[in-house]
All heavy atoms as atom14 arrays in JSON, in Angstrom:
{
  "sequence": "PIHNYMIRKEFAIMNNKHYIAKKYDILRATVRQIVNSDENDDWIPIT",
  "atom14_mask": [
    [1, 1, 1, 1, 1, 1, 1, 0, 0, 0, 0, 0, 0, 0],
    [1, 1, 1, 1, 1, 1, 1, 1, 0, 0, 0, 0, 0, 0],
    [1, 1, 1, 1, 1, 1, 1, 1, 1, 1, 0, 0, 0, 0],
    [1, 1, 1, 1, 1, 1, 1, 1, 0, 0, 0, 0, 0, 0],
    [1, 1, 1, 1, 1, 1, 1, 1, 1, 1, 1, 1, 0, 0],
    [1, 1, 1, 1, 1, 1, 1, 1, 0, 0, 0, 0, 0, 0],
    [1, 1, 1, 1, 1, 1, 1, 1, 0, 0, 0, 0, 0, 0],
    [1, 1, 1, 1, 1, 1, 1, 1, 1, 1, 1, 0, 0, 0],
    [1, 1, 1, 1, 1, 1, 1, 1, 1, 0, 0, 0, 0, 0],
    [1, 1, 1, 1, 1, 1, 1, 1, 1, 0, 0, 0, 0, 0],
    [1, 1, 1, 1, 1, 1, 1, 1, 1, 1, 1, 0, 0, 0],
    [1, 1, 1, 1, 1, 0, 0, 0, 0, 0, 0, 0, 0, 0],
    [1, 1, 1, 1, 1, 1, 1, 1, 0, 0, 0, 0, 0, 0],
    [1, 1, 1, 1, 1, 1, 1, 1, 0, 0, 0, 0, 0, 0],
    [1, 1, 1, 1, 1, 1, 1, 1, 0, 0, 0, 0, 0, 0],
    [1, 1, 1, 1, 1, 1, 1, 1, 0, 0, 0, 0, 0, 0],
    [1, 1, 1, 1, 1, 1, 1, 1, 1, 0, 0, 0, 0, 0],
    [1, 1, 1, 1, 1, 1, 1, 1, 1, 1, 0, 0, 0, 0],
    [1, 1, 1, 1, 1, 1, 1, 1, 1, 1, 1, 1, 0, 0],
    [1, 1, 1, 1, 1, 1, 1, 1, 0, 0, 0, 0, 0, 0],
    [1, 1, 1, 1, 1, 0, 0, 0, 0, 0, 0, 0, 0, 0],
    [1, 1, 1, 1, 1, 1, 1, 1, 1, 0, 0, 0, 0, 0],
    [1, 1, 1, 1, 1, 1, 1, 1, 1, 0, 0, 0, 0, 0],
    [1, 1, 1, 1, 1, 1, 1, 1, 1, 1, 1, 1, 0, 0],
    [1, 1, 1, 1, 1, 1, 1, 1, 0, 0, 0, 0, 0, 0],
    [1, 1, 1, 1, 1, 1, 1, 1, 0, 0, 0, 0, 0, 0],
    [1, 1, 1, 1, 1, 1, 1, 1, 0, 0, 0, 0, 0, 0],
    [1, 1, 1, 1, 1, 1, 1, 1, 1, 1, 1, 0, 0, 0],
    [1, 1, 1, 1, 1, 0, 0, 0, 0, 0, 0, 0, 0, 0],
    [1, 1, 1, 1, 1, 1, 1, 0, 0, 0, 0, 0, 0, 0],
    [1, 1, 1, 1, 1, 1, 1, 0, 0, 0, 0, 0, 0, 0],
    [1, 1, 1, 1, 1, 1, 1, 1, 1, 1, 1, 0, 0, 0],
    [1, 1, 1, 1, 1, 1, 1, 1, 1, 0, 0, 0, 0, 0],
    [1, 1, 1, 1, 1, 1, 1, 1, 0, 0, 0, 0, 0, 0],
    [1, 1, 1, 1, 1, 1, 1, 0, 0, 0, 0, 0, 0, 0],
    [1, 1, 1, 1, 1, 1, 1, 1, 0, 0, 0, 0, 0, 0],
    [1, 1, 1, 1, 1, 1, 0, 0, 0, 0, 0, 0, 0, 0],
    [1, 1, 1, 1, 1, 1, 1, 1, 0, 0, 0, 0, 0, 0],
    [1, 1, 1, 1, 1, 1, 1, 1, 1, 0, 0, 0, 0, 0],
    [1, 1, 1, 1, 1, 1, 1, 1, 0, 0, 0, 0, 0, 0],
    [1, 1, 1, 1, 1, 1, 1, 1, 0, 0, 0, 0, 0, 0],
    [1, 1, 1, 1, 1, 1, 1, 1, 0, 0, 0, 0, 0, 0],
    [1, 1, 1, 1, 1, 1, 1, 1, 1, 1, 1, 1, 1, 1],
    [1, 1, 1, 1, 1, 1, 1, 1, 0, 0, 0, 0, 0, 0],
    [1, 1, 1, 1, 1, 1, 1, 0, 0, 0, 0, 0, 0, 0],
    [1, 1, 1, 1, 1, 1, 1, 1, 0, 0, 0, 0, 0, 0],
    [1, 1, 1, 1, 1, 1, 1, 0, 0, 0, 0, 0, 0, 0]
  ],
  "atom14_positions": [
    [[72.4, 97.17, 111.89], [73.85, 97.37, 112.06], [74.69, 96.2, 111.52], [75.75, 96.4, 110.97], [74.01, 97.6, 113.55], [72.71, 98.17, 114.0], [71.67, 97.52, 113.14], [0.0, 0.0, 0.0], [0.0, 0.0, 0.0], [0.0, 0.0, 0.0], [0.0, 0.0, 0.0], [0.0, 0.0, 0.0], [0.0, 0.0, 0.0], [0.0, 0.0, 0.0]],
    [[74.2, 94.97, 111.79], [74.98, 93.82, 111.34], [75.03, 93.73, 109.82], [76.06, 93.38, 109.22], [74.43, 92.48, 111.93], [75.38, 91.31, 111.63], [73.06, 92.26, 111.4], [76.76, 91.48, 112.27], [0.0, 0.0, 0.0], [0.0, 0.0, 0.0], [0.0, 0.0, 0.0], [0.0, 0.0, 0.0], [0.0, 0.0, 0.0], [0.0, 0.0, 0.0]],
    [[73.92, 94.11, 109.13], [73.92, 94.14, 107.68], [74.87, 95.22, 107.15], [75.6, 95.03, 106.17], [72.5, 94.37, 107.14], [71.62, 93.22, 107.28], [70.23, 93.35, 107.25], [71.87, 91.95, 107.39], [69.71, 92.11, 107.35], [70.68, 91.27, 107.47], [0.0, 0.0, 0.0], [0.0, 0.0, 0.0], [0.0, 0.0, 0.0], [0.0, 0.0, 0.0]],
    [[74.84, 96.34, 107.83], [75.74, 97.43, 107.46], [77.24, 97.02, 107.6], [78.06, 97.34, 106.77], [75.49, 98.66, 108.34], [76.37, 99.84, 107.99], [76.33, 100.32, 106.89], [77.22, 100.28, 108.95], [0.0, 0.0, 0.0], [0.0, 0.0, 0.0], [0.0, 0.0, 0.0], [0.0, 0.0, 0.0], [0.0, 0.0, 0.0], [0.0, 0.0, 0.0]],
    [[77.55, 96.29, 108.62], [78.86, 95.78, 108.85], [79.32, 94.85, 107.68], [80.39, 94.97, 107.13], [78.93, 95.01, 110.17], [80.06, 94.02, 110.28], [81.36, 94.44, 110.41], [79.82, 92.66, 110.21], [82.4, 93.53, 110.51], [80.85, 91.73, 110.29], [82.16, 92.15, 110.42], [83.16, 91.28, 110.52], [0.0, 0.0, 0.0], [0.0, 0.0, 0.0]],
    [[78.41, 93.99, 107.24], [78.7, 93.06, 106.16], [78.95, 93.78, 104.85], [79.78, 93.41, 104.06], [77.57, 92.02, 106.05], [77.41, 91.09, 107.23], [78.94, 90.2, 107.65], [79.1, 89.19, 106.16], [0.0, 0.0, 0.0], [0.0, 0.0, 0.0], [0.0, 0.0, 0.0], [0.0, 0.0, 0.0], [0.0, 0.0, 0.0], [0.0, 0.0, 0.0]],
    [[78.1, 94.84, 104.6], [78.29, 95.64, 103.39], [79.62, 96.31, 103.35], [80.34, 96.32, 102.36], [77.14, 96.63, 103.24], [75.83, 95.93, 102.98], [77.43, 97.66, 102.16], [74.63, 96.82, 103.02], [0.0, 0.0, 0.0], [0.0, 0.0, 0.0], [0.0, 0.0, 0.0], [0.0, 0.0, 0.0], [0.0, 0.0, 0.0], [0.0, 0.0, 0.0]],
    [[80.03, 96.92, 104.46], [81.33, 97.57, 104.56], [82.45, 96.57, 104.32], [83.42, 96.87, 103.65], [81.49, 98.21, 105.95], [80.66, 99.47, 106.19], [80.96, 99.98, 107.58], [80.2, 101.22, 107.78], [80.69, 102.3, 108.38], [81.92, 102.31, 108.76], [79.94, 103.36, 108.56], [0.0, 0.0, 0.0], [0.0, 0.0, 0.0], [0.0, 0.0, 0.0]],
    [[82.31, 95.44, 104.92], [83.36, 94.41, 104.77], [83.46, 93.96, 103.3], [84.56, 93.83, 102.74], [83.06, 93.2, 105.65], [84.16, 92.16, 105.63], [83.85, 91.06, 106.66], [84.98, 90.0, 106.6], [84.72, 88.91, 107.61], [0.0, 0.0, 0.0], [0.0, 0.0, 0.0], [0.0, 0.0, 0.0], [0.0, 0.0, 0.0], [0.0, 0.0, 0.0]],
    [[82.3, 93.75, 102.68], [82.29, 93.3, 101.27], [82.92, 94.36, 100.37], [83.69, 94.06, 99.46], [80.86, 93.0, 100.81], [80.76, 92.51, 99.36], [79.33, 92.16, 98.97], [78.44, 92.31, 99.85], [79.12, 91.86, 97.81], [0.0, 0.0, 0.0], [0.0, 0.0, 0.0], [0.0, 0.0, 0.0], [0.0, 0.0, 0.0], [0.0, 0.0, 0.0]],
    [[82.6, 95.61, 100.62], [83.14, 96.74, 99.81], [84.63, 96.79, 99.98], [85.37, 96.95, 98.98], [82.5, 98.04, 100.27], [83.02, 99.25, 99.49], [82.42, 99.53, 98.26], [84.09, 99.99, 99.92], [82.91, 100.63, 97.53], [84.53, 101.08, 99.21], [83.93, 101.4, 98.01], [0.0, 0.0, 0.0], [0.0, 0.0, 0.0], [0.0, 0.0, 0.0]],
    [[85.15, 96.59, 101.15], [86.6, 96.61, 101.41], [87.3, 95.46, 100.66], [88.35, 95.67, 100.05], [86.88, 96.54, 102.87], [0.0, 0.0, 0.0], [0.0, 0.0, 0.0], [0.0, 0.0, 0.0], [0.0, 0.0, 0.0], [0.0, 0.0, 0.0], [0.0, 0.0, 0.0], [0.0, 0.0, 0.0], [0.0, 0.0, 0.0], [0.0, 0.0, 0.0]],
    [[86.67, 94.28, 100.7], [87.27, 93.14, 99.99], [87.31, 93.32, 98.5], [88.31, 93.07, 97.83], [86.49, 91.84, 100.37], [86.69, 91.52, 101.86], [86.95, 90.67, 99.49], [85.81, 90.37, 102.39], [0.0, 0.0, 0.0], [0.0, 0.0, 0.0], [0.0, 0.0, 0.0], [0.0, 0.0, 0.0], [0.0, 0.0, 0.0], [0.0, 0.0, 0.0]],
    [[86.23, 93.92, 97.96], [86.18, 94.19, 96.52], [87.28, 95.13, 96.07], [87.73, 95.07, 94.97], [84.8, 94.76, 96.15], [83.65, 93.74, 96.18], [82.05, 94.59, 96.06], [82.29, 95.57, 94.56], [0.0, 0.0, 0.0], [0.0, 0.0, 0.0], [0.0, 0.0, 0.0], [0.0, 0.0, 0.0], [0.0, 0.0, 0.0], [0.0, 0.0, 0.0]],
    [[87.66, 96.04, 96.97], [88.68, 97.01, 96.67], [90.04, 96.67, 97.17], [90.93, 97.51, 97.35], [88.26, 98.37, 97.2], [87.13, 98.99, 96.39], [87.31, 99.67, 95.42], [85.88, 98.73, 96.81], [0.0, 0.0, 0.0], [0.0, 0.0, 0.0], [0.0, 0.0, 0.0], [0.0, 0.0, 0.0], [0.0, 0.0, 0.0], [0.0, 0.0, 0.0]],
    [[90.22, 95.34, 97.51], [91.53, 94.82, 97.91], [92.06, 95.55, 99.13], [93.27, 95.85, 99.21], [92.51, 94.86, 96.81], [92.1, 94.04, 95.58], [91.62, 92.9, 95.77], [92.28, 94.57, 94.4], [0.0, 0.0, 0.0], [0.0, 0.0, 0.0], [0.0, 0.0, 0.0], [0.0, 0.0, 0.0], [0.0, 0.0, 0.0], [0.0, 0.0, 0.0]],
    [[91.18, 95.86, 100.07], [91.63, 96.52, 101.29], [91.43, 95.6, 102.5], [90.46, 94.9, 102.62], [90.83, 97.82, 101.51], [91.05, 98.87, 100.41], [90.18, 100.05, 100.69], [90.37, 101.07, 99.56], [89.45, 102.23, 99.73], [0.0, 0.0, 0.0], [0.0, 0.0, 0.0], [0.0, 0.0, 0.0], [0.0, 0.0, 0.0], [0.0, 0.0, 0.0]],
    [[92.43, 95.65, 103.42], [92.28, 94.84, 104.63], [91.25, 95.52, 105.51], [91.39, 96.67, 105.86], [93.64, 94.77, 105.34], [93.63, 93.98, 106.57], [93.27, 92.66, 106.58], [93.94, 94.33, 107.86], [93.35, 92.2, 107.82], [93.72, 93.22, 108.62], [0.0, 0.0, 0.0], [0.0, 0.0, 0.0], [0.0, 0.0, 0.0], [0.0, 0.0, 0.0]],
    [[90.24, 94.75, 105.88], [89.14, 95.3, 106.65], [89.2, 94.79, 108.11], [89.27, 93.57, 108.32], [87.78, 94.97, 106.08], [86.64, 95.69, 106.72], [86.31, 97.0, 106.4], [85.92, 95.01, 107.74], [85.25, 97.62, 107.02], [84.91, 95.67, 108.37], [84.55, 96.99, 108.02], [83.53, 97.66, 108.65], [0.0, 0.0, 0.0], [0.0, 0.0, 0.0]],
    [[89.22, 95.68, 109.07], [89.22, 95.32, 110.46], [87.89, 95.8, 111.07], [87.55, 96.94, 111.06], [90.39, 95.95, 111.23], [91.72, 95.49, 110.58], [90.35, 95.62, 112.7], [92.94, 96.16, 111.2], [0.0, 0.0, 0.0], [0.0, 0.0, 0.0], [0.0, 0.0, 0.0], [0.0, 0.0, 0.0], [0.0, 0.0, 0.0], [0.0, 0.0, 0.0]],
    [[87.12, 94.84, 111.62], [85.82, 95.17, 112.22], [86.04, 96.05, 113.44], [86.92, 95.8, 114.26], [85.08, 93.88, 112.64], [0.0, 0.0, 0.0], [0.0, 0.0, 0.0], [0.0, 0.0, 0.0], [0.0, 0.0, 0.0], [0.0, 0.0, 0.0], [0.0, 0.0, 0.0], [0.0, 0.0, 0.0], [0.0, 0.0, 0.0], [0.0, 0.0, 0.0]],
    [[85.26, 97.12, 113.55], [85.32, 98.0, 114.69], [84.04, 98.01, 115.44], [82.94, 97.64, 114.9], [85.64, 99.43, 114.21], [87.03, 99.56, 113.57], [87.29, 100.99, 113.13], [88.63, 101.1, 112.48], [88.95, 102.46, 112.05], [0.0, 0.0, 0.0], [0.0, 0.0, 0.0], [0.0, 0.0, 0.0], [0.0, 0.0, 0.0], [0.0, 0.0, 0.0]],
    [[84.08, 98.37, 116.65], [82.9, 98.27, 117.58], [81.72, 99.07, 116.99], [80.6, 98.59, 117.06], [83.3, 98.77, 118.94], [82.23, 98.55, 120.02], [82.75, 98.93, 121.35], [81.72, 98.65, 122.42], [82.19, 99.08, 123.76], [0.0, 0.0, 0.0], [0.0, 0.0, 0.0], [0.0, 0.0, 0.0], [0.0, 0.0, 0.0], [0.0, 0.0, 0.0]],
    [[81.99, 100.25, 116.44], [80.9, 101.07, 115.98], [80.23, 100.51, 114.76], [79.11, 100.84, 114.45], [81.36, 102.52, 115.7], [82.27, 102.68, 114.56], [81.83, 102.63, 113.25], [83.63, 102.89, 114.76], [82.71, 102.83, 112.15], [84.5, 103.07, 113.7], [84.05, 103.05, 112.41], [84.87, 103.16, 111.37], [0.0, 0.0, 0.0], [0.0, 0.0, 0.0]],
    [[80.89, 99.59, 114.06], [80.25, 98.94, 112.86], [79.07, 98.06, 113.29], [78.13, 97.86, 112.57], [81.27, 98.1, 112.11], [82.24, 98.96, 111.33], [81.83, 99.92, 110.72], [83.46, 98.66, 111.35], [0.0, 0.0, 0.0], [0.0, 0.0, 0.0], [0.0, 0.0, 0.0], [0.0, 0.0, 0.0], [0.0, 0.0, 0.0], [0.0, 0.0, 0.0]],
    [[79.18, 97.49, 114.49], [78.1, 96.66, 114.96], [77.07, 97.39, 115.76], [75.86, 97.17, 115.6], [78.73, 95.55, 115.9], [79.87, 94.82, 115.16], [77.67, 94.54, 116.35], [79.44, 94.07, 113.93], [0.0, 0.0, 0.0], [0.0, 0.0, 0.0], [0.0, 0.0, 0.0], [0.0, 0.0, 0.0], [0.0, 0.0, 0.0], [0.0, 0.0, 0.0]],
    [[77.48, 98.39, 116.57], [76.59, 99.08, 117.46], [76.06, 100.4, 116.96], [75.24, 101.05, 117.63], [77.25, 99.25, 118.83], [77.79, 97.99, 119.48], [78.56, 98.34, 120.77], [76.67, 97.0, 119.77], [0.0, 0.0, 0.0], [0.0, 0.0, 0.0], [0.0, 0.0, 0.0], [0.0, 0.0, 0.0], [0.0, 0.0, 0.0], [0.0, 0.0, 0.0]],
    [[76.5, 100.87, 115.86], [76.14, 102.23, 115.43], [74.63, 102.35, 115.26], [73.99, 101.53, 114.57], [76.82, 102.56, 114.08], [76.72, 104.0, 113.68], [77.6, 104.22, 112.42], [77.59, 105.61, 112.02], [78.39, 106.51, 112.46], [79.28, 106.19, 113.35], [78.34, 107.77, 112.0], [0.0, 0.0, 0.0], [0.0, 0.0, 0.0], [0.0, 0.0, 0.0]],
    [[74.05, 103.38, 115.81], [72.6, 103.53, 115.8], [72.1, 103.98, 114.46], [71.11, 103.45, 113.89], [72.15, 104.54, 116.86], [0.0, 0.0, 0.0], [0.0, 0.0, 0.0], [0.0, 0.0, 0.0], [0.0, 0.0, 0.0], [0.0, 0.0, 0.0], [0.0, 0.0, 0.0], [0.0, 0.0, 0.0], [0.0, 0.0, 0.0], [0.0, 0.0, 0.0]],
    [[72.77, 104.97, 113.86], [72.4, 105.44, 112.53], [73.23, 104.67, 111.48], [74.45, 104.81, 111.41], [72.74, 106.94, 112.38], [72.03, 107.66, 113.4], [72.3, 107.46, 110.99], [0.0, 0.0, 0.0], [0.0, 0.0, 0.0], [0.0, 0.0, 0.0], [0.0, 0.0, 0.0], [0.0, 0.0, 0.0], [0.0, 0.0, 0.0], [0.0, 0.0, 0.0]],
    [[72.55, 103.86, 110.7], [73.21, 102.96, 109.82], [73.48, 103.67, 108.48], [72.64, 104.37, 107.95], [72.39, 101.69, 109.54], [73.09, 100.77, 108.56], [72.14, 100.99, 110.85], [0.0, 0.0, 0.0], [0.0, 0.0, 0.0], [0.0, 0.0, 0.0], [0.0, 0.0, 0.0], [0.0, 0.0, 0.0], [0.0, 0.0, 0.0], [0.0, 0.0, 0.0]],
    [[74.72, 103.55, 107.96], [75.11, 104.09, 106.66], [75.66, 103.0, 105.78], [76.37, 102.12, 106.26], [76.1, 105.24, 106.8], [75.54, 106.46, 107.56], [76.48, 107.57, 107.55], [77.78, 107.22, 108.1], [78.84, 108.03, 108.1], [78.75, 109.2, 107.55], [79.99, 107.64, 108.66], [0.0, 0.0, 0.0], [0.0, 0.0, 0.0], [0.0, 0.0, 0.0]],
    [[75.37, 103.08, 104.51], [75.8, 102.05, 103.56], [76.7, 102.71, 102.49], [76.42, 103.77, 102.0], [74.62, 101.42, 102.84], [75.03, 100.48, 101.68], [73.81, 99.97, 100.93], [72.7, 100.4, 101.22], [74.08, 99.18, 99.94], [0.0, 0.0, 0.0], [0.0, 0.0, 0.0], [0.0, 0.0, 0.0], [0.0, 0.0, 0.0], [0.0, 0.0, 0.0]],
    [[77.83, 102.1, 102.21], [78.64, 102.56, 101.09], [77.98, 102.06, 99.83], [77.78, 100.91, 99.61], [80.07, 101.95, 101.2], [80.7, 102.35, 102.52], [80.91, 102.4, 100.03], [82.09, 101.81, 102.69], [0.0, 0.0, 0.0], [0.0, 0.0, 0.0], [0.0, 0.0, 0.0], [0.0, 0.0, 0.0], [0.0, 0.0, 0.0], [0.0, 0.0, 0.0]],
    [[77.69, 103.05, 98.96], [76.97, 102.72, 97.74], [77.93, 102.47, 96.59], [79.11, 102.67, 96.73], [75.97, 103.84, 97.32], [74.85, 103.93, 98.36], [76.7, 105.15, 97.26], [0.0, 0.0, 0.0], [0.0, 0.0, 0.0], [0.0, 0.0, 0.0], [0.0, 0.0, 0.0], [0.0, 0.0, 0.0], [0.0, 0.0, 0.0], [0.0, 0.0, 0.0]],
    [[77.43, 102.06, 95.49], [78.24, 101.67, 94.28], [79.07, 102.83, 93.8], [78.56, 103.87, 93.4], [77.34, 101.17, 93.18], [78.15, 100.59, 92.01], [79.38, 100.8, 91.93], [77.44, 99.84, 91.14], [0.0, 0.0, 0.0], [0.0, 0.0, 0.0], [0.0, 0.0, 0.0], [0.0, 0.0, 0.0], [0.0, 0.0, 0.0], [0.0, 0.0, 0.0]],
    [[80.38, 102.77, 93.79], [81.29, 103.88, 93.47], [81.3, 104.16, 92.01], [81.91, 105.12, 91.57], [82.69, 103.63, 94.0], [83.22, 102.46, 93.36], [0.0, 0.0, 0.0], [0.0, 0.0, 0.0], [0.0, 0.0, 0.0], [0.0, 0.0, 0.0], [0.0, 0.0, 0.0], [0.0, 0.0, 0.0], [0.0, 0.0, 0.0], [0.0, 0.0, 0.0]],
    [[80.67, 103.32, 91.18], [80.66, 103.55, 89.75], [79.64, 104.6, 89.36], [79.66, 105.13, 88.25], [80.39, 102.26, 88.99], [81.51, 101.29, 89.1], [82.66, 101.74, 89.31], [81.24, 100.07, 89.04], [0.0, 0.0, 0.0], [0.0, 0.0, 0.0], [0.0, 0.0, 0.0], [0.0, 0.0, 0.0], [0.0, 0.0, 0.0], [0.0, 0.0, 0.0]],
    [[78.72, 104.94, 90.21], [77.69, 105.91, 89.92], [78.19, 107.32, 90.28], [78.74, 107.54, 91.32], [76.4, 105.61, 90.68], [75.8, 104.24, 90.36], [74.6, 103.97, 91.19], [74.14, 104.89, 91.9], [74.1, 102.82, 91.2], [0.0, 0.0, 0.0], [0.0, 0.0, 0.0], [0.0, 0.0, 0.0], [0.0, 0.0, 0.0], [0.0, 0.0, 0.0]],
    [[77.99, 108.25, 89.42], [78.45, 109.65, 89.65], [77.87, 110.28, 90.87], [78.46, 111.09, 91.53], [78.18, 110.53, 88.42], [79.02, 110.09, 87.22], [80.1, 109.58, 87.34], [78.46, 110.31, 86.02], [0.0, 0.0, 0.0], [0.0, 0.0, 0.0], [0.0, 0.0, 0.0], [0.0, 0.0, 0.0], [0.0, 0.0, 0.0], [0.0, 0.0, 0.0]],
    [[76.63, 109.87, 91.21], [75.94, 110.46, 92.34], [76.56, 110.13, 93.69], [76.24, 110.66, 94.71], [74.46, 110.08, 92.37], [73.68, 110.69, 91.28], [74.14, 111.73, 90.74], [72.6, 110.21, 90.98], [0.0, 0.0, 0.0], [0.0, 0.0, 0.0], [0.0, 0.0, 0.0], [0.0, 0.0, 0.0], [0.0, 0.0, 0.0], [0.0, 0.0, 0.0]],
    [[77.49, 109.15, 93.66], [78.14, 108.69, 94.91], [79.19, 109.65, 95.36], [79.7, 109.54, 96.46], [78.76, 107.31, 94.73], [77.72, 106.25, 94.37], [76.53, 106.47, 94.67], [78.12, 105.28, 93.78], [0.0, 0.0, 0.0], [0.0, 0.0, 0.0], [0.0, 0.0, 0.0], [0.0, 0.0, 0.0], [0.0, 0.0, 0.0], [0.0, 0.0, 0.0]],
    [[79.62, 110.54, 94.47], [80.72, 111.46, 94.79], [80.2, 112.88, 94.8], [79.52, 113.33, 93.86], [81.84, 111.35, 93.74], [82.5, 110.02, 93.76], [82.13, 108.9, 93.08], [83.65, 109.64, 94.51], [82.92, 107.85, 93.34], [83.93, 108.29, 94.24], [84.51, 110.33, 95.38], [84.97, 107.59, 94.8], [85.55, 109.65, 95.96], [85.82, 108.31, 95.64]],
    [[80.51, 113.6, 95.86], [80.02, 115.02, 95.97], [81.25, 115.95, 95.94], [82.28, 115.67, 96.51], [79.23, 115.23, 97.26], [80.09, 114.78, 98.49], [77.94, 114.43, 97.25], [79.41, 115.14, 99.81], [0.0, 0.0, 0.0], [0.0, 0.0, 0.0], [0.0, 0.0, 0.0], [0.0, 0.0, 0.0], [0.0, 0.0, 0.0], [0.0, 0.0, 0.0]],
    [[81.1, 117.07, 95.25], [82.2, 118.04, 95.14], [82.41, 118.77, 96.46], [81.47, 119.02, 97.2], [81.73, 119.01, 94.02], [80.26, 118.92, 94.09], [79.92, 117.49, 94.44], [0.0, 0.0, 0.0], [0.0, 0.0, 0.0], [0.0, 0.0, 0.0], [0.0, 0.0, 0.0], [0.0, 0.0, 0.0], [0.0, 0.0, 0.0], [0.0, 0.0, 0.0]],
    [[83.66, 119.1, 96.75], [83.99, 119.8, 97.95], [84.43, 121.22, 97.57], [85.19, 121.44, 96.62], [85.17, 119.1, 98.74], [84.81, 117.66, 99.01], [85.49, 119.84, 100.02], [86.0, 116.9, 99.64], [0.0, 0.0, 0.0], [0.0, 0.0, 0.0], [0.0, 0.0, 0.0], [0.0, 0.0, 0.0], [0.0, 0.0, 0.0], [0.0, 0.0, 0.0]],
    [[83.93, 122.19, 98.27], [84.24, 123.6, 97.98], [85.62, 123.97, 98.54], [85.86, 123.75, 99.75], [83.18, 124.55, 98.61], [81.9, 124.19, 98.11], [83.52, 125.97, 98.25], [0.0, 0.0, 0.0], [0.0, 0.0, 0.0], [0.0, 0.0, 0.0], [0.0, 0.0, 0.0], [0.0, 0.0, 0.0], [0.0, 0.0, 0.0], [0.0, 0.0, 0.0]]
  ]
}
């Protein structure tokens, strides 16, 4: 979870967004990572 928090924060800084740490970023059981937005596979179409 702590690594996931750092990745989210880094991604936000790279995109010039103000990042505020939230409780679930540290304690979330299922960890998710924001992947590189330059890759087409990172975006999924919505019906």
